[in-house]
Amino acid sequence: MVLFIDVCVRKGSRTRRLAKRVLSHLPGPVETVRPAEINFPKTDEAFLNKRDACIAAGDYSDPMFDLAKQFRSADTIVIAAPHWDLSFPAVLKQYFEQINVVGLTFFYTDSDRPVTLCRAKRLIYVSTAGGPVRDHAYGFGYVKALGEEFYGIEDAVCFCAEGLDLIGADAEAILQGTEAEIDRAFC
């Protein structure tokens, strides 16, 4: 199963357009989750105490763990996240906080190393930016590090169309160029 994490909020999202191109190359069923449409719980002490008690008991039946179970069962992860403020929309971080669950998506060894409990071997990050992206460290870099460190995903790739809103930019040509790059990657 391909898990499509769609962080795009605009109907005519350019990032979603590119992600759909990626998805057209992937076999199997696609499950879509839209973090912007999820009413995430407030991460306060009461929530953390409840979550910690469930984890300590090994009881993952509460709906708060449903997203983590879905993530754990995916074979491929595709994330569509526009480049905002040197990173990605905050709701993607909220999503990661919900799925990063000890005993469900990973566990720690006696030497304090995280070991994945997830199936995914591949992560594809898709983004667009109105201006230049000088450093992907805070967006894709962060997601790639999470994937490697906690979920054992070593095959992580980023497709990003940038400079779309610069004066004189041909946004359509830039998008088509990134679509061609996507197509070549799946040949």
Protein backbone atom coordinates (compact mmCIF):
# COMPACT_ATOMS: atom_id res chain seq x y z
CA MET A 1 0.00 0.00 0.00
CA VAL A 2 1.16 3.52 -0.83
CA LEU A 3 0.45 6.10 1.86
CA PHE A 4 -0.04 9.57 0.39
CA ILE A 5 0.37 12.28 3.02
CA ASP A 6 -1.15 15.32 1.33
CA VAL A 7 -0.21 18.47 3.22
CA CYS A 8 -1.43 20.78 0.45
CA VAL A 9 -4.28 23.12 1.35
CA ARG A 10 -5.02 24.87 -1.94
CA LYS A 11 -7.38 23.29 -4.49
CA GLY A 12 -5.05 24.03 -7.40
CA SER A 13 -1.93 23.05 -5.49
CA ARG A 14 1.16 22.78 -7.65
CA THR A 15 2.74 20.45 -5.09
CA ARG A 16 -0.24 18.08 -5.27
CA ARG A 17 0.00 18.16 -9.07
CA LEU A 18 3.58 16.87 -8.88
CA ALA A 19 2.67 14.31 -6.21
CA LYS A 20 -0.10 12.95 -8.43
CA ARG A 21 2.53 12.49 -11.14
CA VAL A 22 4.63 10.44 -8.69
CA LEU A 23 1.58 8.40 -7.64
CA SER A 24 0.79 7.60 -11.29
CA HIS A 25 4.06 5.63 -11.39
CA LEU A 26 3.48 3.61 -8.24
CA PRO A 27 1.67 0.26 -8.27
CA GLY A 28 -0.90 -0.83 -5.74
CA PRO A 29 -3.61 0.87 -3.73
CA VAL A 30 -3.15 4.41 -2.40
CA GLU A 31 -4.45 5.56 0.97
CA THR A 32 -4.58 9.33 1.39
CA VAL A 33 -4.32 11.23 4.64
CA ARG A 34 -4.73 15.01 4.74
CA PRO A 35 -3.25 16.33 7.99
CA ALA A 36 -4.82 19.77 7.45
CA GLU A 37 -8.24 18.13 7.78
CA ILE A 38 -7.40 16.34 11.05
CA ASN A 39 -8.29 17.88 14.37
CA PHE A 40 -5.11 16.87 16.19
CA PRO A 41 -5.37 16.67 19.96
CA LYS A 42 -3.68 19.35 22.01
CA THR A 43 -0.36 17.96 23.16
CA ASP A 44 -0.69 18.91 26.81
CA GLU A 45 0.18 17.01 29.98
CA ALA A 46 -3.18 15.21 30.12
CA PHE A 47 -2.80 13.95 26.55
CA LEU A 48 0.78 12.85 27.12
CA ASN A 49 -0.15 11.04 30.35
CA LYS A 50 -2.95 9.16 28.57
CA ARG A 51 -0.71 8.28 25.64
CA ASP A 52 2.15 7.20 27.90
CA ALA A 53 -0.19 4.99 29.96
CA CYS A 54 -1.48 3.27 26.81
CA ILE A 55 2.05 2.74 25.52
CA ALA A 56 3.23 1.37 28.89
CA ALA A 57 0.31 -1.08 28.86
CA GLY A 58 0.98 -2.06 25.23
CA ASP A 59 -2.58 -1.01 24.43
CA TYR A 60 -2.78 0.69 21.03
CA SER A 61 -6.54 0.34 20.62
CA ASP A 62 -7.29 4.03 21.23
CA PRO A 63 -8.06 5.95 17.99
CA MET A 64 -5.11 8.25 18.78
CA PHE A 65 -2.91 5.45 17.39
CA ASP A 66 -4.79 4.91 14.11
CA LEU A 67 -2.50 7.16 12.05
CA ALA A 68 0.59 5.39 13.41
CA LYS A 69 -0.90 1.99 12.50
CA GLN A 70 -1.66 3.21 8.99
CA PHE A 71 1.86 4.60 8.60
CA ARG A 72 3.40 1.38 9.94
CA SER A 73 1.57 -0.74 7.36
CA ALA A 74 2.54 1.33 4.29
CA ASP A 75 5.04 -0.04 1.77
CA THR A 76 5.84 3.37 0.27
CA ILE A 77 5.34 6.86 1.72
CA VAL A 78 4.66 9.85 -0.54
CA ILE A 79 4.57 13.26 1.12
CA ALA A 80 3.32 16.35 -0.72
CA ALA A 81 4.34 19.42 1.27
CA PRO A 82 4.75 22.92 -0.12
CA HIS A 83 7.89 24.76 0.97
CA TRP A 84 6.78 27.29 3.59
CA ASP A 85 9.08 29.46 5.69
CA LEU A 86 12.22 27.36 5.03
CA SER A 87 10.37 24.14 5.87
CA PHE A 88 6.90 22.66 5.49
CA PRO A 89 3.47 23.46 6.92
CA ALA A 90 3.30 22.99 10.72
CA VAL A 91 0.52 20.44 10.38
CA LEU A 92 3.05 17.95 8.98
CA LYS A 93 5.01 18.19 12.24
CA GLN A 94 1.77 17.54 14.14
CA TYR A 95 1.25 14.46 11.99
CA PHE A 96 4.75 13.17 12.77
CA GLU A 97 4.14 13.70 16.48
CA GLN A 98 1.08 11.47 16.20
CA ILE A 99 2.75 8.63 14.31
CA ASN A 100 6.07 8.54 16.17
CA VAL A 101 5.00 6.00 18.80
CA VAL A 102 7.39 3.80 20.76
CA GLY A 103 6.26 0.19 20.48
CA LEU A 104 4.11 0.85 17.43
CA THR A 105 6.26 2.49 14.73
CA PHE A 106 9.66 1.87 16.37
CA PHE A 107 11.31 0.61 19.55
CA TYR A 108 14.59 1.28 21.32
CA THR A 109 17.31 -1.33 21.72
CA ASP A 110 19.27 -1.80 24.94
CA SER A 111 21.88 0.52 23.43
CA ASP A 112 19.24 3.26 22.93
CA ARG A 113 19.07 2.95 19.15
CA PRO A 114 15.66 3.20 17.49
CA VAL A 115 14.63 0.19 15.39
CA THR A 116 11.74 0.40 12.95
CA LEU A 117 8.51 -1.54 13.18
CA CYS A 118 7.39 -0.05 9.85
CA ARG A 119 7.26 -1.77 6.46
CA ALA A 120 8.11 1.17 4.19
CA LYS A 121 11.41 1.03 2.39
CA ARG A 122 10.86 4.11 0.25
CA LEU A 123 9.92 7.72 0.96
CA ILE A 124 9.19 10.23 -1.79
CA TYR A 125 8.97 13.87 -0.77
CA VAL A 126 7.39 16.31 -3.22
CA SER A 127 7.50 20.07 -2.81
CA THR A 128 7.18 23.36 -4.64
CA ALA A 129 8.51 26.77 -3.73
CA GLY A 130 7.75 30.24 -4.99
CA GLY A 131 11.36 31.24 -4.51
CA PRO A 132 14.68 29.44 -4.44
CA VAL A 133 15.25 26.66 -1.92
CA ARG A 134 18.79 27.19 -0.72
CA ASP A 135 18.81 24.36 1.78
CA HIS A 136 16.44 21.43 2.12
CA ALA A 137 17.68 20.73 5.68
CA TYR A 138 14.56 21.99 7.44
CA GLY A 139 12.03 20.43 5.09
CA PHE A 140 13.10 17.33 3.21
CA GLY A 141 16.23 16.95 5.34
CA TYR A 142 14.16 16.72 8.50
CA VAL A 143 11.73 14.22 6.96
CA LYS A 144 14.59 12.15 5.54
CA ALA A 145 16.32 12.05 8.94
CA LEU A 146 13.10 10.90 10.63
CA GLY A 147 12.64 8.24 7.97
CA GLU A 148 16.17 6.93 8.38
CA GLU A 149 16.44 7.21 12.17
CA PHE A 150 13.04 5.96 13.31
CA TYR A 151 11.48 4.11 10.37
CA GLY A 152 14.47 2.47 8.68
CA ILE A 153 13.73 4.13 5.33
CA GLU A 154 17.02 4.46 3.50
CA ASP A 155 15.56 5.17 0.05
CA ALA A 156 14.39 8.78 0.31
CA VAL A 157 14.16 11.13 -2.63
CA CYS A 158 12.92 14.69 -3.10
CA PHE A 159 11.33 16.25 -6.16
CA CYS A 160 11.05 20.02 -5.85
CA ALA A 161 9.99 22.67 -8.34
CA GLU A 162 11.36 25.97 -7.10
CA GLY A 163 11.40 29.60 -8.20
CA LEU A 164 7.82 29.36 -9.42
CA ASP A 165 6.81 32.87 -8.32
CA LEU A 166 9.96 34.80 -9.19
CA ILE A 167 9.59 37.74 -11.55
CA GLY A 168 9.89 36.46 -15.11
CA ALA A 169 9.66 32.80 -14.12
CA ASP A 170 7.77 30.45 -16.40
CA ALA A 171 6.05 28.46 -13.65
CA GLU A 172 4.44 26.05 -16.10
CA ALA A 173 7.78 25.25 -17.74
CA ILE A 174 9.37 24.69 -14.32
CA LEU A 175 6.55 22.35 -13.30
CA GLN A 176 6.80 20.46 -16.59
CA GLY A 177 10.54 20.12 -16.09
CA THR A 178 9.99 18.60 -12.65
CA GLU A 179 7.32 16.28 -14.08
CA ALA A 180 9.88 15.12 -16.66
CA GLU A 181 12.39 14.55 -13.84
CA ILE A 182 9.79 12.45 -12.02
CA ASP A 183 9.07 10.44 -15.17
CA ARG A 184 12.79 9.77 -15.74
CA ALA A 185 13.20 8.60 -12.14
CA PHE A 186 10.57 5.90 -12.69
CA CYS A 187 11.79 4.65 -16.10
